[in-house]
Amino acid sequence: FKVYASRDEIVNYYKKNLVDTGWKFTGKSENIDHSNNRKIGESFNFRKGKYRLGIYFSTRDLHNYEKSNGQDPLRYSVTIYPQT
């Protein structure tokens, strides 16, 4: 997705709307490239029954958004999958 909003605005939107429909926020995690130990992104995680949902922001997209002072849209992805 691409939106004209900050990371915090996006995460707060999902927290409110997902929790209202029965999802539980389970925390934030950092995504690390283990070949060089660099942070490549952040995930905000939710669960509902056997399903997991992650909202992912790449470090590069966060940096580009900040560099443009919010003039460019922020890119992020949402993944939903069953936990086996």
N, C-alpha and C. Protein backbone atom coordinates (compact mmCIF):
# COMPACT_ATOMS: atom_id res chain seq x y z
N PHE A 1 0.84 -1.17 0.00
CA PHE A 1 0.00 0.00 0.00
C PHE A 1 0.88 1.24 0.00
N LYS A 2 0.33 2.36 -0.45
CA LYS A 2 0.98 3.66 -0.37
C LYS A 2 -0.04 4.65 0.17
N VAL A 3 0.32 5.35 1.23
CA VAL A 3 -0.59 6.34 1.81
C VAL A 3 0.19 7.56 2.27
N TYR A 4 -0.50 8.68 2.31
CA TYR A 4 0.08 9.91 2.84
C TYR A 4 -0.20 9.96 4.34
N ALA A 5 0.54 9.19 5.09
CA ALA A 5 0.40 9.14 6.54
C ALA A 5 1.72 8.65 7.12
N SER A 6 1.94 8.96 8.39
CA SER A 6 3.16 8.51 9.06
C SER A 6 3.01 7.05 9.50
N ARG A 7 4.11 6.42 9.83
CA ARG A 7 4.08 5.05 10.35
C ARG A 7 3.16 4.96 11.55
N ASP A 8 3.28 5.90 12.48
CA ASP A 8 2.45 5.86 13.69
C ASP A 8 0.97 5.99 13.37
N GLU A 9 0.63 6.86 12.42
CA GLU A 9 -0.78 7.01 12.03
C GLU A 9 -1.32 5.72 11.43
N ILE A 10 -0.51 5.08 10.60
CA ILE A 10 -0.93 3.83 9.96
C ILE A 10 -1.11 2.73 11.01
N VAL A 11 -0.12 2.57 11.88
CA VAL A 11 -0.20 1.52 12.90
C VAL A 11 -1.37 1.77 13.85
N ASN A 12 -1.57 3.01 14.25
CA ASN A 12 -2.70 3.31 15.14
C ASN A 12 -4.03 3.04 14.47
N TYR A 13 -4.15 3.30 13.18
CA TYR A 13 -5.37 2.99 12.43
C TYR A 13 -5.65 1.49 12.49
N TYR A 14 -4.62 0.69 12.18
CA TYR A 14 -4.81 -0.77 12.20
C TYR A 14 -5.08 -1.27 13.62
N LYS A 15 -4.36 -0.74 14.60
CA LYS A 15 -4.60 -1.18 15.98
C LYS A 15 -6.06 -0.96 16.36
N LYS A 16 -6.57 0.21 16.09
CA LYS A 16 -7.95 0.51 16.46
C LYS A 16 -8.93 -0.40 15.73
N ASN A 17 -8.80 -0.48 14.41
CA ASN A 17 -9.77 -1.22 13.62
C ASN A 17 -9.64 -2.73 13.75
N LEU A 18 -8.43 -3.24 13.89
CA LEU A 18 -8.27 -4.68 14.06
C LEU A 18 -8.72 -5.14 15.44
N VAL A 19 -8.35 -4.39 16.47
CA VAL A 19 -8.76 -4.76 17.83
C VAL A 19 -10.28 -4.72 17.94
N ASP A 20 -10.90 -3.76 17.30
CA ASP A 20 -12.37 -3.67 17.32
C ASP A 20 -13.04 -4.89 16.67
N THR A 21 -12.30 -5.62 15.82
CA THR A 21 -12.87 -6.81 15.16
C THR A 21 -12.31 -8.11 15.72
N GLY A 22 -11.69 -8.05 16.91
CA GLY A 22 -11.26 -9.27 17.58
C GLY A 22 -9.80 -9.65 17.44
N TRP A 23 -9.01 -8.86 16.73
CA TRP A 23 -7.57 -9.13 16.63
C TRP A 23 -6.88 -8.63 17.88
N LYS A 24 -5.78 -9.27 18.24
CA LYS A 24 -4.98 -8.85 19.39
C LYS A 24 -3.60 -8.39 18.90
N PHE A 25 -3.19 -7.20 19.33
CA PHE A 25 -1.85 -6.71 18.99
C PHE A 25 -0.84 -7.49 19.82
N THR A 26 0.14 -8.09 19.16
CA THR A 26 1.12 -8.93 19.88
C THR A 26 2.51 -8.31 19.94
N GLY A 27 2.69 -7.13 19.34
CA GLY A 27 3.96 -6.44 19.49
C GLY A 27 4.63 -6.05 18.19
N LYS A 28 5.72 -5.36 18.37
CA LYS A 28 6.54 -4.86 17.27
C LYS A 28 7.82 -5.68 17.22
N SER A 29 8.31 -5.95 16.02
CA SER A 29 9.59 -6.62 15.89
C SER A 29 10.42 -5.94 14.80
N GLU A 30 11.72 -6.07 14.92
CA GLU A 30 12.62 -5.53 13.92
C GLU A 30 13.02 -6.64 12.96
N ASN A 31 13.07 -6.33 11.69
CA ASN A 31 13.50 -7.29 10.69
C ASN A 31 14.97 -7.02 10.40
N ILE A 32 15.78 -8.05 10.59
CA ILE A 32 17.23 -7.93 10.47
C ILE A 32 17.74 -8.77 9.31
N ASP A 33 18.63 -8.19 8.51
CA ASP A 33 19.34 -8.95 7.49
C ASP A 33 20.53 -9.58 8.21
N HIS A 34 20.47 -10.89 8.42
CA HIS A 34 21.50 -11.56 9.23
C HIS A 34 22.83 -11.70 8.51
N SER A 35 22.88 -11.42 7.21
CA SER A 35 24.15 -11.49 6.50
C SER A 35 25.07 -10.33 6.88
N ASN A 36 24.45 -9.20 7.33
CA ASN A 36 25.27 -8.05 7.73
C ASN A 36 24.77 -7.42 9.03
N ASN A 37 23.78 -8.05 9.67
CA ASN A 37 23.20 -7.58 10.94
C ASN A 37 22.64 -6.17 10.86
N ARG A 38 22.10 -5.79 9.71
CA ARG A 38 21.47 -4.48 9.55
C ARG A 38 19.96 -4.60 9.65
N LYS A 39 19.36 -3.59 10.25
CA LYS A 39 17.91 -3.52 10.32
C LYS A 39 17.38 -3.15 8.94
N ILE A 40 16.45 -3.97 8.42
CA ILE A 40 15.89 -3.71 7.10
C ILE A 40 14.42 -3.33 7.16
N GLY A 41 13.83 -3.41 8.36
CA GLY A 41 12.43 -3.04 8.47
C GLY A 41 11.86 -3.28 9.85
N GLU A 42 10.58 -2.97 9.97
CA GLU A 42 9.85 -3.15 11.22
C GLU A 42 8.52 -3.83 10.91
N SER A 43 8.09 -4.71 11.80
CA SER A 43 6.79 -5.36 11.68
C SER A 43 5.97 -5.10 12.92
N PHE A 44 4.68 -4.91 12.72
CA PHE A 44 3.71 -4.76 13.81
C PHE A 44 2.76 -5.94 13.66
N ASN A 45 2.66 -6.74 14.73
CA ASN A 45 2.04 -8.05 14.62
C ASN A 45 0.75 -8.19 15.42
N PHE A 46 -0.19 -8.93 14.83
CA PHE A 46 -1.50 -9.17 15.42
C PHE A 46 -1.83 -10.65 15.27
N ARG A 47 -2.77 -11.13 16.10
CA ARG A 47 -3.27 -12.49 15.92
C ARG A 47 -4.75 -12.55 16.24
N LYS A 48 -5.40 -13.51 15.60
CA LYS A 48 -6.82 -13.77 15.85
C LYS A 48 -7.02 -15.26 15.58
N GLY A 49 -7.23 -16.02 16.65
CA GLY A 49 -7.35 -17.46 16.49
C GLY A 49 -6.08 -18.03 15.90
N LYS A 50 -6.23 -18.80 14.82
CA LYS A 50 -5.04 -19.40 14.20
C LYS A 50 -4.36 -18.46 13.20
N TYR A 51 -4.90 -17.26 12.99
CA TYR A 51 -4.36 -16.35 11.98
C TYR A 51 -3.42 -15.32 12.58
N ARG A 52 -2.43 -14.96 11.78
CA ARG A 52 -1.46 -13.93 12.14
C ARG A 52 -1.52 -12.85 11.06
N LEU A 53 -1.31 -11.62 11.47
CA LEU A 53 -1.31 -10.50 10.54
C LEU A 53 -0.10 -9.64 10.87
N GLY A 54 0.64 -9.27 9.85
CA GLY A 54 1.81 -8.41 10.04
C GLY A 54 1.74 -7.19 9.13
N ILE A 55 2.07 -6.06 9.69
CA ILE A 55 2.19 -4.81 8.93
C ILE A 55 3.68 -4.52 8.86
N TYR A 56 4.22 -4.44 7.65
CA TYR A 56 5.66 -4.33 7.46
C TYR A 56 6.03 -3.01 6.79
N PHE A 57 7.04 -2.35 7.37
CA PHE A 57 7.62 -1.13 6.82
C PHE A 57 9.11 -1.40 6.58
N SER A 58 9.59 -1.12 5.38
CA SER A 58 11.03 -1.25 5.15
C SER A 58 11.73 0.00 5.66
N THR A 59 12.94 -0.16 6.11
CA THR A 59 13.74 0.97 6.60
C THR A 59 13.93 1.99 5.50
N ARG A 60 14.15 1.53 4.28
CA ARG A 60 14.35 2.45 3.15
C ARG A 60 13.11 3.30 2.90
N ASP A 61 11.92 2.67 2.94
CA ASP A 61 10.68 3.43 2.71
C ASP A 61 10.44 4.43 3.83
N LEU A 62 10.73 4.05 5.08
CA LEU A 62 10.59 4.99 6.20
C LEU A 62 11.54 6.17 6.03
N HIS A 63 12.76 5.89 5.62
CA HIS A 63 13.75 6.95 5.41
C HIS A 63 13.31 7.89 4.27
N ASN A 64 12.84 7.33 3.17
CA ASN A 64 12.39 8.16 2.05
C ASN A 64 11.21 9.04 2.44
N TYR A 65 10.29 8.50 3.24
CA TYR A 65 9.14 9.27 3.70
C TYR A 65 9.61 10.45 4.57
N GLU A 66 10.52 10.17 5.49
CA GLU A 66 11.04 11.24 6.36
C GLU A 66 11.81 12.28 5.54
N LYS A 67 12.60 11.82 4.58
CA LYS A 67 13.40 12.73 3.75
C LYS A 67 12.51 13.67 2.94
N SER A 68 11.32 13.20 2.55
CA SER A 68 10.41 14.03 1.77
C SER A 68 9.49 14.87 2.65
N ASN A 69 9.68 14.79 3.97
CA ASN A 69 8.81 15.49 4.93
C ASN A 69 7.33 15.15 4.72
N GLY A 70 7.07 13.89 4.40
CA GLY A 70 5.69 13.44 4.23
C GLY A 70 5.05 13.84 2.91
N GLN A 71 5.84 14.39 1.98
CA GLN A 71 5.30 14.81 0.69
C GLN A 71 5.11 13.63 -0.25
N ASP A 72 5.87 12.56 -0.04
CA ASP A 72 5.72 11.33 -0.81
C ASP A 72 4.94 10.34 0.05
N PRO A 73 4.17 9.46 -0.56
CA PRO A 73 3.43 8.48 0.25
C PRO A 73 4.37 7.46 0.89
N LEU A 74 3.96 6.96 2.03
CA LEU A 74 4.72 5.91 2.71
C LEU A 74 4.21 4.56 2.23
N ARG A 75 5.15 3.69 1.86
CA ARG A 75 4.79 2.35 1.39
C ARG A 75 4.89 1.36 2.55
N TYR A 76 3.95 0.39 2.57
CA TYR A 76 3.99 -0.68 3.56
C TYR A 76 3.21 -1.86 3.02
N SER A 77 3.37 -3.00 3.67
CA SER A 77 2.62 -4.18 3.24
C SER A 77 1.93 -4.82 4.43
N VAL A 78 0.86 -5.57 4.12
CA VAL A 78 0.10 -6.30 5.13
C VAL A 78 0.07 -7.75 4.68
N THR A 79 0.40 -8.65 5.60
CA THR A 79 0.39 -10.07 5.32
C THR A 79 -0.48 -10.77 6.34
N ILE A 80 -1.37 -11.64 5.86
CA ILE A 80 -2.22 -12.44 6.74
C ILE A 80 -1.99 -13.90 6.38
N TYR A 81 -1.76 -14.73 7.40
CA TYR A 81 -1.49 -16.15 7.15
C TYR A 81 -1.93 -17.00 8.35
N PRO A 82 -2.26 -18.26 8.11
CA PRO A 82 -2.62 -19.14 9.22
C PRO A 82 -1.35 -19.66 9.91
N GLN A 83 -1.38 -19.71 11.22
CA GLN A 83 -0.28 -20.29 12.00
C GLN A 83 -0.57 -21.77 12.14
N THR A 84 0.35 -22.60 11.69
CA THR A 84 0.12 -24.04 11.77
C THR A 84 0.74 -24.67 12.97
